[in-house]
C-alpha atoms as a PDB file:
ATOM      1  CA  MET A   1     -22.370 -10.366 -10.493  1.00  0.00           C
ATOM      2  CA  VAL A   2     -24.591 -13.148 -12.225  1.00  0.00           C
ATOM      3  CA  ASP A   3     -22.997 -12.246 -15.412  1.00  0.00           C
ATOM      4  CA  THR A   4     -19.503 -13.084 -13.984  1.00  0.00           C
ATOM      5  CA  ASN A   5     -20.870 -16.227 -12.104  1.00  0.00           C
ATOM      6  CA  GLY A   6     -20.204 -14.547  -8.646  1.00  0.00           C
ATOM      7  CA  TYR A   7     -21.538 -15.910  -5.335  1.00  0.00           C
ATOM      8  CA  GLU A   8     -21.828 -13.419  -2.190  1.00  0.00           C
ATOM      9  CA  VAL A   9     -20.519 -15.382   0.584  1.00  0.00           C
ATOM     10  CA  LYS A  10     -20.967 -12.954   3.326  1.00  0.00           C
ATOM     11  CA  THR A  11     -20.272  -9.575   4.614  1.00  0.00           C
ATOM     12  CA  GLU A  12     -17.780  -8.571   7.341  1.00  0.00           C
ATOM     13  CA  GLY A  13     -17.904  -4.977   8.442  1.00  0.00           C
ATOM     14  CA  ASP A  14     -17.901  -2.787   5.330  1.00  0.00           C
ATOM     15  CA  ALA A  15     -16.342  -5.741   3.388  1.00  0.00           C
ATOM     16  CA  PHE A  16     -17.881  -8.270   0.919  1.00  0.00           C
ATOM     17  CA  MET A  17     -16.593 -11.616   0.482  1.00  0.00           C
ATOM     18  CA  ILE A  18     -17.326 -12.800  -3.175  1.00  0.00           C
ATOM     19  CA  ALA A  19     -16.509 -16.405  -4.687  1.00  0.00           C
ATOM     20  CA  PHE A  20     -16.089 -16.765  -8.448  1.00  0.00           C
ATOM     21  CA  GLU A  21     -15.554 -19.995 -10.510  1.00  0.00           C
ATOM     22  CA  ASN A  22     -12.384 -18.761 -12.020  1.00  0.00           C
ATOM     23  CA  VAL A  23      -9.927 -15.742 -11.890  1.00  0.00           C
ATOM     24  CA  ASP A  24     -10.961 -14.409 -15.241  1.00  0.00           C
ATOM     25  CA  ASP A  25     -14.501 -13.919 -13.890  1.00  0.00           C
ATOM     26  CA  ALA A  26     -13.179 -12.401 -10.839  1.00  0.00           C
ATOM     27  CA  ALA A  27     -10.986  -9.929 -12.655  1.00  0.00           C
ATOM     28  CA  ARG A  28     -13.906  -8.961 -14.930  1.00  0.00           C
ATOM     29  CA  TRP A  29     -16.183  -8.280 -11.940  1.00  0.00           C
ATOM     30  CA  CYS A  30     -13.620  -6.132 -10.298  1.00  0.00           C
ATOM     31  CA  MET A  31     -12.648  -4.117 -13.204  1.00  0.00           C
ATOM     32  CA  GLN A  32     -16.574  -3.550 -14.224  1.00  0.00           C
ATOM     33  CA  ALA A  33     -17.321  -2.584 -10.768  1.00  0.00           C
ATOM     34  CA  GLN A  34     -14.697   0.044 -10.316  1.00  0.00           C
ATOM     35  CA  LEU A  35     -16.139   1.844 -13.610  1.00  0.00           C
ATOM     36  CA  ILE A  36     -19.922   1.221 -12.414  1.00  0.00           C
ATOM     37  CA  LEU A  37     -18.950   2.878  -8.952  1.00  0.00           C
ATOM     38  CA  LEU A  38     -18.344   6.264 -10.835  1.00  0.00           C
ATOM     39  CA  SER A  39     -21.835   6.365 -12.291  1.00  0.00           C
ATOM     40  CA  LEU A  40     -23.811   5.288  -9.194  1.00  0.00           C
ATOM     41  CA  ASP A  41     -26.503   7.598  -7.587  1.00  0.00           C
ATOM     42  CA  TRP A  42     -24.427   8.761  -4.713  1.00  0.00           C
ATOM     43  CA  ASP A  43     -25.957  11.044  -1.961  1.00  0.00           C
ATOM     44  CA  GLU A  44     -25.309  14.591  -2.968  1.00  0.00           C
ATOM     45  CA  HIS A  45     -23.600  15.529   0.549  1.00  0.00           C
ATOM     46  CA  LEU A  46     -21.239  12.546   0.036  1.00  0.00           C
ATOM     47  CA  LEU A  47     -20.120  13.985  -3.222  1.00  0.00           C
ATOM     48  CA  THR A  48     -19.007  17.253  -1.513  1.00  0.00           C
ATOM     49  CA  LEU A  49     -16.340  15.481   0.482  1.00  0.00           C
ATOM     50  CA  ASP A  50     -12.680  15.899  -0.499  1.00  0.00           C
ATOM     51  CA  VAL A  51     -12.303  11.911  -0.856  1.00  0.00           C
ATOM     52  CA  THR A  52     -15.335  11.303  -2.872  1.00  0.00           C
ATOM     53  CA  LYS A  53     -16.051  14.488  -4.708  1.00  0.00           C
ATOM     54  CA  PRO A  54     -16.147  14.147  -8.577  1.00  0.00           C
ATOM     55  CA  GLN A  55     -12.783  14.471 -10.373  1.00  0.00           C
ATOM     56  CA  GLU A  56     -12.545  14.185 -14.220  1.00  0.00           C
ATOM     57  CA  LYS A  57      -9.615  12.677 -16.091  1.00  0.00           C
ATOM     58  CA  ALA A  58      -6.815  15.047 -17.496  1.00  0.00           C
ATOM     59  CA  ASP A  59      -8.378  14.804 -21.082  1.00  0.00           C
ATOM     60  CA  GLY A  60     -11.915  15.540 -19.932  1.00  0.00           C
ATOM     61  CA  THR A  61     -13.266  12.304 -21.337  1.00  0.00           C
ATOM     62  CA  GLY A  62     -15.022  11.368 -18.040  1.00  0.00           C
ATOM     63  CA  TYR A  63     -14.697  10.868 -14.433  1.00  0.00           C
ATOM     64  CA  LEU A  64     -11.256   9.642 -12.579  1.00  0.00           C
ATOM     65  CA  TRP A  65     -13.020   9.477  -9.363  1.00  0.00           C
ATOM     66  CA  ARG A  66     -16.619  10.070  -8.125  1.00  0.00           C
ATOM     67  CA  GLY A  67     -18.119   8.410  -5.056  1.00  0.00           C
ATOM     68  CA  LEU A  68     -16.788   6.008  -2.751  1.00  0.00           C
ATOM     69  CA  ARG A  69     -13.171   4.437  -3.543  1.00  0.00           C
ATOM     70  CA  VAL A  70     -13.345   0.903  -2.904  1.00  0.00           C
ATOM     71  CA  ARG A  71     -10.349  -1.363  -2.787  1.00  0.00           C
ATOM     72  CA  MET A  72     -10.371  -5.089  -3.820  1.00  0.00           C
ATOM     73  CA  GLY A  73      -8.325  -7.867  -3.882  1.00  0.00           C
ATOM     74  CA  ILE A  74      -8.040 -11.463  -5.669  1.00  0.00           C
ATOM     75  CA  HIS A  75      -6.368 -14.676  -4.576  1.00  0.00           C
ATOM     76  CA  ILE A  76      -7.183 -18.076  -5.805  1.00  0.00           C
ATOM     77  CA  GLY A  77      -7.262 -21.616  -3.886  1.00  0.00           C
ATOM     78  CA  VAL A  78      -9.366 -24.197  -2.454  1.00  0.00           C
ATOM     79  CA  PRO A  79     -10.976 -23.191   0.824  1.00  0.00           C
ATOM     80  CA  LEU A  80     -12.498 -25.031   3.689  1.00  0.00           C
ATOM     81  CA  CYS A  81     -16.375 -25.161   2.763  1.00  0.00           C
ATOM     82  CA  GLN A  82     -19.251 -25.270   5.604  1.00  0.00           C
ATOM     83  CA  THR A  83     -22.778 -24.482   5.218  1.00  0.00           C
ATOM     84  CA  ASP A  84     -23.704 -21.629   7.678  1.00  0.00           C
ATOM     85  CA  PRO A  85     -26.356 -22.961  10.208  1.00  0.00           C
ATOM     86  CA  CYS A  86     -28.204 -19.696  10.374  1.00  0.00           C
ATOM     87  CA  THR A  87     -28.489 -18.548   6.603  1.00  0.00           C
ATOM     88  CA  GLY A  88     -28.222 -22.106   5.102  1.00  0.00           C
ATOM     89  CA  ARG A  89     -25.649 -20.628   2.560  1.00  0.00           C
ATOM     90  CA  MET A  90     -22.130 -21.917   1.811  1.00  0.00           C
ATOM     91  CA  ASP A  91     -19.286 -20.332   3.813  1.00  0.00           C
ATOM     92  CA  TYR A  92     -15.639 -20.393   3.315  1.00  0.00           C
ATOM     93  CA  PHE A  93     -12.673 -20.654   5.745  1.00  0.00           C
ATOM     94  CA  GLY A  94      -9.014 -21.505   5.888  1.00  0.00           C
ATOM     95  CA  PRO A  95      -5.593 -20.115   4.790  1.00  0.00           C
ATOM     96  CA  VAL A  96      -6.957 -19.422   1.318  1.00  0.00           C
ATOM     97  CA  VAL A  97      -9.793 -16.809   2.553  1.00  0.00           C
ATOM     98  CA  ASN A  98      -7.289 -15.529   4.952  1.00  0.00           C
ATOM     99  CA  LYS A  99      -4.653 -14.680   2.365  1.00  0.00           C
ATOM    100  CA  ALA A 100      -7.289 -13.349  -0.036  1.00  0.00           C
ATOM    101  CA  ALA A 101      -8.274 -10.753   2.821  1.00  0.00           C
ATOM    102  CA  ARG A 102      -4.596  -9.715   3.366  1.00  0.00           C
ATOM    103  CA  VAL A 103      -4.121  -9.212  -0.437  1.00  0.00           C
ATOM    104  CA  SER A 104      -7.269  -7.114  -0.438  1.00  0.00           C
ATOM    105  CA  GLY A 105      -6.064  -5.022   2.489  1.00  0.00           C
ATOM    106  CA  CYS A 106      -3.009  -4.059   0.590  1.00  0.00           C
ATOM    107  CA  GLY A 107      -4.549  -1.849  -1.907  1.00  0.00           C
ATOM    108  CA  HIS A 108      -5.866   1.813  -2.183  1.00  0.00           C
ATOM    109  CA  GLY A 109      -9.164   2.713  -2.616  1.00  0.00           C
ATOM    110  CA  GLY A 110      -9.905   2.524  -6.333  1.00  0.00           C
ATOM    111  CA  GLU A 111      -7.879  -0.283  -7.249  1.00  0.00           C
ATOM    112  CA  THR A 112      -7.564  -4.036  -7.067  1.00  0.00           C
ATOM    113  CA  VAL A 113      -4.632  -5.888  -5.902  1.00  0.00           C
ATOM    114  CA  VAL A 114      -3.910  -9.648  -6.791  1.00  0.00           C
ATOM    115  CA  SER A 115      -1.558 -12.294  -5.780  1.00  0.00           C
ATOM    116  CA  TYR A 116       1.297 -13.764  -7.555  1.00  0.00           C
ATOM    117  CA  ASP A 117      -0.916 -16.909  -8.589  1.00  0.00           C
ATOM    118  CA  VAL A 118      -3.771 -14.881  -9.774  1.00  0.00           C
ATOM    119  CA  ILE A 119      -1.608 -12.456 -12.160  1.00  0.00           C
ATOM    120  CA  ASP A 120       0.261 -15.441 -13.801  1.00  0.00           C
ATOM    121  CA  MET A 121      -3.246 -16.816 -14.933  1.00  0.00           C
ATOM    122  CA  LEU A 122      -4.343 -13.507 -16.229  1.00  0.00           C
ATOM    123  CA  GLN A 123      -1.275 -12.743 -18.206  1.00  0.00           C
ATOM    124  CA  HIS A 124      -2.948 -13.777 -21.423  1.00  0.00           C
ATOM    125  CA  LEU A 125      -5.914 -11.566 -21.142  1.00  0.00           C
ATOM    126  CA  PHE A 126      -3.979  -8.372 -20.292  1.00  0.00           C
ATOM    127  CA  GLU A 127      -3.287  -7.303 -23.919  1.00  0.00           C
ATOM    128  CA  THR A 128      -6.898  -7.728 -24.888  1.00  0.00           C
ATOM    129  CA  ASP A 129     -10.360  -6.286 -23.980  1.00  0.00           C
ATOM    130  CA  GLU A 130     -11.769  -9.481 -22.512  1.00  0.00           C
ATOM    131  CA  ILE A 131     -11.471  -8.385 -18.897  1.00  0.00           C
ATOM    132  CA  VAL A 132     -12.868  -4.724 -19.436  1.00  0.00           C
ATOM    133  CA  ASP A 133     -13.264  -2.432 -22.383  1.00  0.00           C
ATOM    134  CA  GLY A 134     -10.101  -0.601 -23.015  1.00  0.00           C
ATOM    135  CA  GLY A 135      -7.960  -3.327 -21.259  1.00  0.00           C
ATOM    136  CA  VAL A 136      -6.208  -3.377 -18.014  1.00  0.00           C
ATOM    137  CA  THR A 137      -3.184  -1.413 -16.741  1.00  0.00           C
ATOM    138  CA  THR A 138      -1.065  -3.286 -14.011  1.00  0.00           C
ATOM    139  CA  ASN A 139       1.550  -2.128 -11.505  1.00  0.00           C
ATOM    140  CA  VAL A 140       3.701  -4.827  -9.849  1.00  0.00           C
ATOM    141  CA  LEU A 141       4.364  -3.727  -6.325  1.00  0.00           C
ATOM    142  CA  PRO A 142       7.389  -4.262  -3.861  1.00  0.00           C
ATOM    143  CA  PRO A 143       7.277  -7.747  -2.213  1.00  0.00           C
ATOM    144  CA  ARG A 144       5.709  -7.500   0.994  1.00  0.00           C
ATOM    145  CA  ASN A 145       5.023  -9.842   4.054  1.00  0.00           C
ATOM    146  CA  LEU A 146       1.269 -10.855   4.568  1.00  0.00           C
ATOM    147  CA  LYS A 147       0.427 -11.250   8.175  1.00  0.00           C
ATOM    148  CA  GLY A 148       0.260 -14.814   8.897  1.00  0.00           C
ATOM    149  CA  PHE A 149       2.332 -16.131   6.068  1.00  0.00           C
ATOM    150  CA  ALA A 150       6.221 -16.792   6.017  1.00  0.00           C
ATOM    151  CA  GLU A 151       7.289 -15.888   2.678  1.00  0.00           C
ATOM    152  CA  ASP A 152       7.001 -12.463   1.083  1.00  0.00           C
ATOM    153  CA  GLU A 153       4.388 -12.055  -1.588  1.00  0.00           C
ATOM    154  CA  VAL A 154       4.834 -10.297  -4.973  1.00  0.00           C
ATOM    155  CA  LEU A 155       1.520  -8.580  -5.509  1.00  0.00           C
ATOM    156  CA  THR A 156       0.072  -6.688  -8.637  1.00  0.00           C
ATOM    157  CA  ALA A 157      -2.243  -3.796  -8.841  1.00  0.00           C
ATOM    158  CA  MET A 158      -4.961  -3.419 -11.505  1.00  0.00           C
ATOM    159  CA  VAL A 159      -7.110  -0.684 -12.844  1.00  0.00           C
ATOM    160  CA  PRO A 160      -9.189  -0.354 -15.934  1.00  0.00           C
ATOM    161  CA  THR A 161      -6.595   1.394 -18.459  1.00  0.00           C
ATOM    162  CA  VAL A 162      -9.309   4.369 -18.740  1.00  0.00           C
ATOM    163  CA  LEU A 163      -8.618   4.902 -15.250  1.00  0.00           C
ATOM    164  CA  SER A 164      -4.852   4.425 -15.034  1.00  0.00           C
ATOM    165  CA  GLU A 165      -4.355   8.172 -14.089  1.00  0.00           C
ATOM    166  CA  ARG A 166      -5.183   6.842 -10.571  1.00  0.00           C
ATOM    167  CA  TYR A 167      -1.699   5.571 -10.184  1.00  0.00           C
ATOM    168  CA  ASP A 168      -0.432   9.220  -9.963  1.00  0.00           C
ATOM    169  CA  GLU A 169      -2.350   9.308  -6.416  1.00  0.00           C
ATOM    170  CA  PHE A 170      -1.338   5.658  -5.379  1.00  0.00           C
ATOM    171  CA  VAL A 171       1.819   5.370  -3.472  1.00  0.00           C
ATOM    172  CA  HIS A 172       3.216   1.983  -2.492  1.00  0.00           C
ATOM    173  CA  ALA A 173       6.448   2.849  -1.330  1.00  0.00           C
ATOM    174  CA  LYS A 174       7.664   2.428   2.442  1.00  0.00           C
ATOM    175  CA  PRO A 175       6.802   5.223   4.731  1.00  0.00           C
ATOM    176  CA  GLU A 176       9.457   8.276   4.716  1.00  0.00           C
ATOM    177  CA  VAL A 177      11.471   8.143   7.906  1.00  0.00           C
ATOM    178  CA  LYS A 178      11.705  11.385   9.519  1.00  0.00           C
ATOM    179  CA  THR A 179      14.249  12.684  11.833  1.00  0.00           C
ATOM    180  CA  VAL A 180      13.221  14.730  14.882  1.00  0.00           C
ATOM    181  CA  GLU A 181      15.518  17.246  16.356  1.00  0.00           C
ATOM    182  CA  VAL A 182      16.143  16.660  20.041  1.00  0.00           C
ATOM    183  CA  GLN A 183      16.494  19.888  21.962  1.00  0.00           C
ATOM    184  CA  GLU A 184      18.494  20.088  25.337  1.00  0.00           C
ATOM    185  CA  LEU A 185      16.256  19.929  28.457  1.00  0.00           C
ATOM    186  CA  THR A 186      15.963  23.019  30.380  1.00  0.00           C
ATOM    187  CA  GLU A 187      16.812  23.219  34.002  1.00  0.00           C
ATOM    188  CA  GLU A 188      13.276  23.009  35.145  1.00  0.00           C
ATOM    189  CA  GLN A 189      12.569  19.994  32.713  1.00  0.00           C
ATOM    190  CA  ARG A 190      15.630  18.301  33.912  1.00  0.00           C
ATOM    191  CA  LYS A 191      14.557  18.560  37.828  1.00  0.00           C
ATOM    192  CA  LYS A 192      11.069  17.062  36.942  1.00  0.00           C
ATOM    193  CA  LEU A 193      12.816  14.060  35.044  1.00  0.00           C
ATOM    194  CA  GLU A 194      14.959  13.619  37.977  1.00  0.00           C
ATOM    195  CA  GLU A 195      11.704  13.549  40.382  1.00  0.00           C
ATOM    196  CA  ILE A 196      10.162  11.114  38.163  1.00  0.00           C
ATOM    197  CA  GLU A 197      13.091   8.753  38.109  1.00  0.00           C
ATOM    198  CA  GLN A 198      13.346   8.873  41.924  1.00  0.00           C
ATOM    199  CA  LYS A 199       9.838   8.101  42.213  1.00  0.00           C
ATOM    200  CA  LEU A 200      10.139   5.189  39.946  1.00  0.00           C
ATOM    201  CA  LYS A 201      12.944   3.965  42.026  1.00  0.00           C
ATOM    202  CA  LEU A 202      11.145   4.208  45.528  1.00  0.00           C
ATOM    203  CA  ALA A 203       8.172   2.236  43.684  1.00  0.00           C
ATOM    204  CA  ASP A 204      10.538  -0.460  42.628  1.00  0.00           C
ATOM    205  CA  MET A 205      12.144  -0.664  46.149  1.00  0.00           C
ATOM    206  CA  ASN A 206       8.646  -0.973  47.706  1.00  0.00           C
ATOM    207  CA  ALA A 207       7.235  -3.537  45.370  1.00  0.00           C
ATOM    208  CA  PRO A 208       6.953  -7.258  46.229  1.00  0.00           C
ATOM    209  CA  LYS A 209       9.895  -9.329  45.112  1.00  0.00           C
ATOM    210  CA  GLY A 210       9.856 -12.797  43.490  1.00  0.00           C
ATOM    211  CA  ILE A 211       6.597 -12.299  41.687  1.00  0.00           C
ATOM    212  CA  VAL A 212       6.679 -12.839  38.010  1.00  0.00           C
END
């Protein structure tokens, strides 16, 4: 993290808030972290689970998945700053921080999602190896509404190009709408429904009136 000028602000549950001097450094750290996660000394039992077990790339040149799948998000802005009275460390608040959390929450484990402002500032680096060796592969996501913000946001997902096969497992479409076949009630079921309706009517008649 030192190499990319990162500052660990705090942890919230299983999440980390990290601040950087610029979006270039933030993108470098996220892309490098996704690669480093593949080579960590994970617990042997963890690597036997379906969602964490090792999976090689199609060309056999290395791992596509291995260990925990961590989602990351990047947004840029000027937050409200305040020193934490307990830790003495600088803490950040406000709409910028809230939006960064919403952006991060839109991703799948194993990818980094960035806001429109961020992707615009990173365009000049995408065709180079300046972010990570081998470059970066991006995927523009459908506009979506972020909780607490009025306008829909166009987000972009990023992974190191060497891990671009991960997109085969990422689905950013809206959930499929499924139809349910409704069967006709049996005579017994109809009688039970009528009994319930009658009890509800009696309860309503006996309830106090004029109370809201």
